[in-house]
Amino acid sequence: DDRARTDAILTDLARLGGRPGLLDAPELTDRSAMLGTLYVLEGSRLGAAYLLRTVRQCREPLVSSNTAFLAHGAGRHFWPQYLAVLECHADELAEDDLVRSARSAFERFAHAAARS
């Protein structure tokens, strides 16, 4: 629950006058699929930290003050925790399935970005 960012992005979108678009849910059929998808989701926090610095410098208060999604998890150690879980299960993971799942998650987000 600590990792979920749904409320944060819905709050930002509402304040900005945006509407959420739904993505098709990934098929998380096994641990490799789940951890591959989480690679993308948890890794996106690293990019969000970079974007947060830029957005907070924006002169438009409506933009600079709505950063709940970008700031979610700041100061937490979500990425190292994810890596620890990944390493803990490394022997039982199918690397091809892990990579396929991560690519699928990237493609879902790219498709959504292209629609907007």
N, C-alpha and C. Protein backbone atom coordinates (compact mmCIF):
# COMPACT_ATOMS: atom_id res chain seq x y z
N ASP A 1 0.80 -1.20 0.00
CA ASP A 1 0.00 0.00 0.00
C ASP A 1 0.85 1.27 0.00
N ASP A 2 2.01 1.22 0.65
CA ASP A 2 2.89 2.40 0.70
C ASP A 2 3.37 2.80 -0.69
N ARG A 3 3.45 1.84 -1.59
CA ARG A 3 3.98 2.10 -2.93
C ARG A 3 2.92 2.62 -3.90
N ALA A 4 1.66 2.42 -3.60
CA ALA A 4 0.58 2.79 -4.52
C ALA A 4 0.53 4.30 -4.72
N ARG A 5 0.48 4.70 -5.98
CA ARG A 5 0.48 6.14 -6.31
C ARG A 5 -0.81 6.59 -6.97
N THR A 6 -1.81 5.73 -6.98
CA THR A 6 -3.07 6.05 -7.65
C THR A 6 -3.68 7.33 -7.08
N ASP A 7 -3.82 7.40 -5.77
CA ASP A 7 -4.43 8.59 -5.15
C ASP A 7 -3.64 9.85 -5.47
N ALA A 8 -2.32 9.74 -5.49
CA ALA A 8 -1.48 10.90 -5.76
C ALA A 8 -1.70 11.43 -7.17
N ILE A 9 -1.75 10.56 -8.15
CA ILE A 9 -1.91 11.04 -9.52
C ILE A 9 -3.34 11.53 -9.76
N LEU A 10 -4.32 10.89 -9.13
CA LEU A 10 -5.70 11.36 -9.27
C LEU A 10 -5.87 12.74 -8.64
N THR A 11 -5.21 12.98 -7.53
CA THR A 11 -5.26 14.31 -6.88
C THR A 11 -4.65 15.37 -7.79
N ASP A 12 -3.46 15.09 -8.32
CA ASP A 12 -2.81 16.05 -9.23
C ASP A 12 -3.68 16.31 -10.45
N LEU A 13 -4.20 15.26 -11.06
CA LEU A 13 -5.02 15.43 -12.26
C LEU A 13 -6.27 16.27 -11.97
N ALA A 14 -6.93 16.01 -10.86
CA ALA A 14 -8.13 16.77 -10.51
C ALA A 14 -7.80 18.25 -10.33
N ARG A 15 -6.72 18.54 -9.65
CA ARG A 15 -6.34 19.94 -9.41
C ARG A 15 -5.92 20.64 -10.70
N LEU A 16 -5.40 19.86 -11.65
CA LEU A 16 -4.97 20.43 -12.93
C LEU A 16 -6.08 20.43 -13.97
N GLY A 17 -7.23 19.88 -13.62
CA GLY A 17 -8.34 19.82 -14.55
C GLY A 17 -8.20 18.70 -15.58
N GLY A 18 -7.41 17.71 -15.27
CA GLY A 18 -7.19 16.58 -16.19
C GLY A 18 -8.11 15.42 -15.88
N ARG A 19 -8.12 14.48 -16.79
CA ARG A 19 -8.91 13.26 -16.61
C ARG A 19 -7.97 12.06 -16.72
N PRO A 20 -8.16 11.09 -15.86
CA PRO A 20 -7.31 9.91 -15.97
C PRO A 20 -7.71 9.05 -17.15
N GLY A 21 -6.73 8.47 -17.77
CA GLY A 21 -6.98 7.48 -18.81
C GLY A 21 -6.56 6.13 -18.27
N LEU A 22 -7.37 5.15 -18.51
CA LEU A 22 -7.06 3.82 -17.98
C LEU A 22 -6.21 3.04 -18.96
N LEU A 23 -5.26 2.31 -18.42
CA LEU A 23 -4.44 1.41 -19.20
C LEU A 23 -4.97 -0.01 -19.01
N ASP A 24 -4.77 -0.85 -19.99
CA ASP A 24 -5.08 -2.26 -19.82
C ASP A 24 -4.18 -2.81 -18.73
N ALA A 25 -4.74 -3.60 -17.86
CA ALA A 25 -3.95 -4.18 -16.78
C ALA A 25 -2.96 -5.20 -17.34
N PRO A 26 -1.75 -5.20 -16.81
CA PRO A 26 -0.79 -6.20 -17.27
C PRO A 26 -1.18 -7.58 -16.76
N GLU A 27 -0.76 -8.59 -17.48
CA GLU A 27 -0.99 -9.96 -17.03
C GLU A 27 0.16 -10.37 -16.12
N LEU A 28 -0.13 -10.44 -14.86
CA LEU A 28 0.89 -10.80 -13.87
C LEU A 28 0.72 -12.27 -13.51
N THR A 29 1.12 -13.13 -14.42
CA THR A 29 0.88 -14.55 -14.29
C THR A 29 1.86 -15.27 -13.39
N ASP A 30 3.00 -14.65 -13.15
CA ASP A 30 4.01 -15.29 -12.31
C ASP A 30 4.93 -14.23 -11.72
N ARG A 31 5.88 -14.66 -10.93
CA ARG A 31 6.78 -13.73 -10.25
C ARG A 31 7.62 -12.93 -11.24
N SER A 32 8.07 -13.57 -12.34
CA SER A 32 8.86 -12.84 -13.34
C SER A 32 8.05 -11.71 -13.96
N ALA A 33 6.80 -11.97 -14.27
CA ALA A 33 5.94 -10.93 -14.85
C ALA A 33 5.73 -9.79 -13.87
N MET A 34 5.49 -10.15 -12.62
CA MET A 34 5.27 -9.13 -11.60
C MET A 34 6.51 -8.27 -11.39
N LEU A 35 7.67 -8.91 -11.24
CA LEU A 35 8.89 -8.15 -10.98
C LEU A 35 9.36 -7.37 -12.20
N GLY A 36 9.08 -7.86 -13.39
CA GLY A 36 9.40 -7.10 -14.60
C GLY A 36 8.56 -5.84 -14.70
N THR A 37 7.29 -5.95 -14.38
CA THR A 37 6.41 -4.78 -14.38
C THR A 37 6.82 -3.81 -13.28
N LEU A 38 7.13 -4.33 -12.11
CA LEU A 38 7.57 -3.48 -11.01
C LEU A 38 8.88 -2.76 -11.31
N TYR A 39 9.72 -3.37 -12.13
CA TYR A 39 10.95 -2.71 -12.55
C TYR A 39 10.62 -1.36 -13.19
N VAL A 40 9.62 -1.35 -14.04
CA VAL A 40 9.23 -0.11 -14.72
C VAL A 40 8.58 0.85 -13.74
N LEU A 41 7.67 0.36 -12.92
CA LEU A 41 6.96 1.23 -11.98
C LEU A 41 7.89 1.82 -10.92
N GLU A 42 8.72 1.00 -10.34
CA GLU A 42 9.63 1.50 -9.32
C GLU A 42 10.74 2.35 -9.95
N GLY A 43 11.19 1.96 -11.12
CA GLY A 43 12.21 2.75 -11.81
C GLY A 43 11.70 4.12 -12.20
N SER A 44 10.39 4.22 -12.43
CA SER A 44 9.83 5.52 -12.82
C SER A 44 9.95 6.54 -11.70
N ARG A 45 10.10 6.08 -10.48
CA ARG A 45 10.31 7.02 -9.37
C ARG A 45 11.63 7.76 -9.51
N LEU A 46 12.62 7.10 -10.10
CA LEU A 46 13.92 7.74 -10.30
C LEU A 46 13.77 8.90 -11.28
N GLY A 47 13.03 8.67 -12.35
CA GLY A 47 12.76 9.74 -13.31
C GLY A 47 11.88 10.82 -12.71
N ALA A 48 10.94 10.42 -11.87
CA ALA A 48 10.04 11.38 -11.24
C ALA A 48 10.81 12.34 -10.33
N ALA A 49 11.83 11.84 -9.65
CA ALA A 49 12.63 12.71 -8.78
C ALA A 49 13.31 13.80 -9.60
N TYR A 50 13.79 13.45 -10.78
CA TYR A 50 14.40 14.44 -11.67
C TYR A 50 13.35 15.44 -12.15
N LEU A 51 12.21 14.94 -12.60
CA LEU A 51 11.14 15.82 -13.09
C LEU A 51 10.62 16.73 -11.98
N LEU A 52 10.56 16.23 -10.77
CA LEU A 52 10.06 17.01 -9.64
C LEU A 52 10.87 18.29 -9.45
N ARG A 53 12.18 18.20 -9.55
CA ARG A 53 13.02 19.41 -9.41
C ARG A 53 12.67 20.44 -10.48
N THR A 54 12.44 19.99 -11.68
CA THR A 54 12.11 20.89 -12.78
C THR A 54 10.72 21.49 -12.59
N VAL A 55 9.75 20.65 -12.27
CA VAL A 55 8.37 21.12 -12.12
C VAL A 55 8.25 22.11 -10.97
N ARG A 56 8.95 21.87 -9.89
CA ARG A 56 8.87 22.79 -8.75
C ARG A 56 9.45 24.17 -9.06
N GLN A 57 10.25 24.28 -10.10
CA GLN A 57 10.81 25.57 -10.51
C GLN A 57 9.89 26.31 -11.48
N CYS A 58 8.83 25.67 -11.90
CA CYS A 58 7.88 26.29 -12.83
C CYS A 58 7.26 27.52 -12.19
N ARG A 59 7.12 28.56 -12.96
CA ARG A 59 6.56 29.82 -12.43
C ARG A 59 5.03 29.78 -12.34
N GLU A 60 4.43 28.78 -12.92
CA GLU A 60 2.98 28.62 -12.87
C GLU A 60 2.61 27.83 -11.61
N PRO A 61 2.01 28.51 -10.61
CA PRO A 61 1.71 27.82 -9.34
C PRO A 61 0.82 26.59 -9.50
N LEU A 62 -0.08 26.63 -10.47
CA LEU A 62 -0.95 25.47 -10.67
C LEU A 62 -0.12 24.23 -11.00
N VAL A 63 0.95 24.42 -11.72
CA VAL A 63 1.83 23.30 -12.07
C VAL A 63 2.77 22.98 -10.91
N SER A 64 3.46 23.98 -10.40
CA SER A 64 4.50 23.74 -9.40
C SER A 64 3.97 23.22 -8.06
N SER A 65 2.69 23.41 -7.80
CA SER A 65 2.15 22.98 -6.51
C SER A 65 1.43 21.64 -6.59
N ASN A 66 1.33 21.05 -7.75
CA ASN A 66 0.64 19.77 -7.89
C ASN A 66 1.64 18.69 -8.28
N THR A 67 2.34 18.24 -7.28
CA THR A 67 3.44 17.29 -7.51
C THR A 67 3.31 16.05 -6.63
N ALA A 68 2.10 15.75 -6.21
CA ALA A 68 1.92 14.58 -5.33
C ALA A 68 2.43 13.30 -5.98
N PHE A 69 2.15 13.14 -7.26
CA PHE A 69 2.60 11.93 -7.95
C PHE A 69 4.12 11.89 -8.08
N LEU A 70 4.69 13.00 -8.52
CA LEU A 70 6.14 13.03 -8.71
C LEU A 70 6.89 12.88 -7.39
N ALA A 71 6.32 13.40 -6.32
CA ALA A 71 6.99 13.37 -5.02
C ALA A 71 6.70 12.10 -4.22
N HIS A 72 5.77 11.30 -4.69
CA HIS A 72 5.38 10.11 -3.93
C HIS A 72 6.59 9.20 -3.68
N GLY A 73 6.79 8.86 -2.44
CA GLY A 73 7.88 7.95 -2.07
C GLY A 73 9.21 8.64 -1.86
N ALA A 74 9.25 9.97 -1.99
CA ALA A 74 10.51 10.69 -1.78
C ALA A 74 11.04 10.39 -0.38
N GLY A 75 12.33 10.11 -0.31
CA GLY A 75 12.95 9.81 0.96
C GLY A 75 12.79 8.36 1.40
N ARG A 76 11.98 7.61 0.67
CA ARG A 76 11.80 6.19 0.98
C ARG A 76 12.83 5.40 0.17
N HIS A 77 13.05 4.21 0.53
CA HIS A 77 14.05 3.39 -0.14
C HIS A 77 13.38 2.31 -0.99
N PHE A 78 12.41 2.73 -1.81
CA PHE A 78 11.66 1.78 -2.61
C PHE A 78 12.53 1.06 -3.64
N TRP A 79 13.40 1.79 -4.32
CA TRP A 79 14.23 1.16 -5.35
C TRP A 79 15.18 0.12 -4.75
N PRO A 80 15.94 0.45 -3.71
CA PRO A 80 16.80 -0.58 -3.11
C PRO A 80 15.99 -1.77 -2.58
N GLN A 81 14.80 -1.52 -2.05
CA GLN A 81 13.97 -2.62 -1.57
C GLN A 81 13.54 -3.51 -2.73
N TYR A 82 13.17 -2.89 -3.84
CA TYR A 82 12.81 -3.67 -5.03
C TYR A 82 13.99 -4.52 -5.48
N LEU A 83 15.18 -3.92 -5.55
CA LEU A 83 16.36 -4.66 -5.97
C LEU A 83 16.66 -5.83 -5.03
N ALA A 84 16.44 -5.65 -3.75
CA ALA A 84 16.66 -6.73 -2.78
C ALA A 84 15.70 -7.89 -3.04
N VAL A 85 14.45 -7.59 -3.34
CA VAL A 85 13.47 -8.64 -3.65
C VAL A 85 13.87 -9.34 -4.95
N LEU A 86 14.26 -8.54 -5.93
CA LEU A 86 14.68 -9.11 -7.21
C LEU A 86 15.86 -10.07 -7.01
N GLU A 87 16.83 -9.65 -6.23
CA GLU A 87 18.00 -10.49 -6.00
C GLU A 87 17.64 -11.74 -5.19
N CYS A 88 16.74 -11.58 -4.25
CA CYS A 88 16.32 -12.70 -3.42
C CYS A 88 15.69 -13.82 -4.27
N HIS A 89 15.03 -13.45 -5.35
CA HIS A 89 14.33 -14.41 -6.20
C HIS A 89 15.07 -14.68 -7.51
N ALA A 90 16.29 -14.21 -7.63
CA ALA A 90 17.03 -14.29 -8.90
C ALA A 90 17.13 -15.72 -9.43
N ASP A 91 17.32 -16.69 -8.57
CA ASP A 91 17.50 -18.07 -9.02
C ASP A 91 16.25 -18.67 -9.64
N GLU A 92 15.09 -18.16 -9.25
CA GLU A 92 13.84 -18.74 -9.74
C GLU A 92 13.20 -17.92 -10.86
N LEU A 93 13.81 -16.81 -11.25
CA LEU A 93 13.23 -15.94 -12.27
C LEU A 93 13.70 -16.33 -13.66
N ALA A 94 12.79 -16.23 -14.60
CA ALA A 94 13.13 -16.43 -16.01
C ALA A 94 13.46 -15.06 -16.59
N GLU A 95 14.73 -14.84 -16.91
CA GLU A 95 15.16 -13.52 -17.36
C GLU A 95 14.38 -13.05 -18.58
N ASP A 96 14.14 -13.94 -19.54
CA ASP A 96 13.37 -13.55 -20.74
C ASP A 96 11.98 -13.07 -20.36
N ASP A 97 11.34 -13.76 -19.42
CA ASP A 97 10.00 -13.36 -18.98
C ASP A 97 10.04 -12.02 -18.24
N LEU A 98 11.07 -11.82 -17.45
CA LEU A 98 11.24 -10.57 -16.71
C LEU A 98 11.40 -9.40 -17.69
N VAL A 99 12.25 -9.57 -18.67
CA VAL A 99 12.49 -8.51 -19.67
C VAL A 99 11.24 -8.29 -20.52
N ARG A 100 10.59 -9.35 -20.92
CA ARG A 100 9.37 -9.24 -21.73
C ARG A 100 8.30 -8.44 -20.98
N SER A 101 8.16 -8.72 -19.70
CA SER A 101 7.18 -8.02 -18.88
C SER A 101 7.53 -6.55 -18.72
N ALA A 102 8.80 -6.26 -18.52
CA ALA A 102 9.23 -4.86 -18.39
C ALA A 102 8.98 -4.12 -19.71
N ARG A 103 9.31 -4.74 -20.82
CA ARG A 103 9.07 -4.10 -22.12
C ARG A 103 7.58 -3.87 -22.35
N SER A 104 6.77 -4.82 -21.95
CA SER A 104 5.33 -4.67 -22.10
C SER A 104 4.82 -3.48 -21.29
N ALA A 105 5.34 -3.32 -20.08
CA ALA A 105 4.93 -2.17 -19.26
C ALA A 105 5.36 -0.86 -19.90
N PHE A 106 6.60 -0.81 -20.41
CA PHE A 106 7.06 0.40 -21.11
C PHE A 106 6.15 0.69 -22.30
N GLU A 107 5.79 -0.33 -23.05
CA GLU A 107 4.93 -0.16 -24.23
C GLU A 107 3.55 0.37 -23.85
N ARG A 108 3.01 -0.09 -22.73
CA ARG A 108 1.70 0.40 -22.28
C ARG A 108 1.76 1.91 -22.02
N PHE A 109 2.81 2.34 -21.34
CA PHE A 109 2.94 3.77 -21.05
C PHE A 109 3.23 4.57 -22.33
N ALA A 110 4.04 4.05 -23.23
CA ALA A 110 4.31 4.74 -24.49
C ALA A 110 3.04 4.88 -25.31
N HIS A 111 2.25 3.83 -25.33
CA HIS A 111 0.98 3.86 -26.07
C HIS A 111 0.04 4.91 -25.47
N ALA A 112 -0.03 4.95 -24.15
CA ALA A 112 -0.88 5.93 -23.47
C ALA A 112 -0.41 7.35 -23.75
N ALA A 113 0.90 7.56 -23.75
CA ALA A 113 1.44 8.90 -24.03
C ALA A 113 1.15 9.31 -25.47
N ALA A 114 1.21 8.37 -26.38
CA ALA A 114 0.93 8.68 -27.79
C ALA A 114 -0.53 9.04 -28.00
N ARG A 115 -1.42 8.46 -27.19
CA ARG A 115 -2.86 8.76 -27.31
C ARG A 115 -3.16 10.19 -26.89
N SER A 116 -2.39 10.70 -25.94
CA SER A 116 -2.67 12.04 -25.44
C SER A 116 -1.91 13.03 -26.26
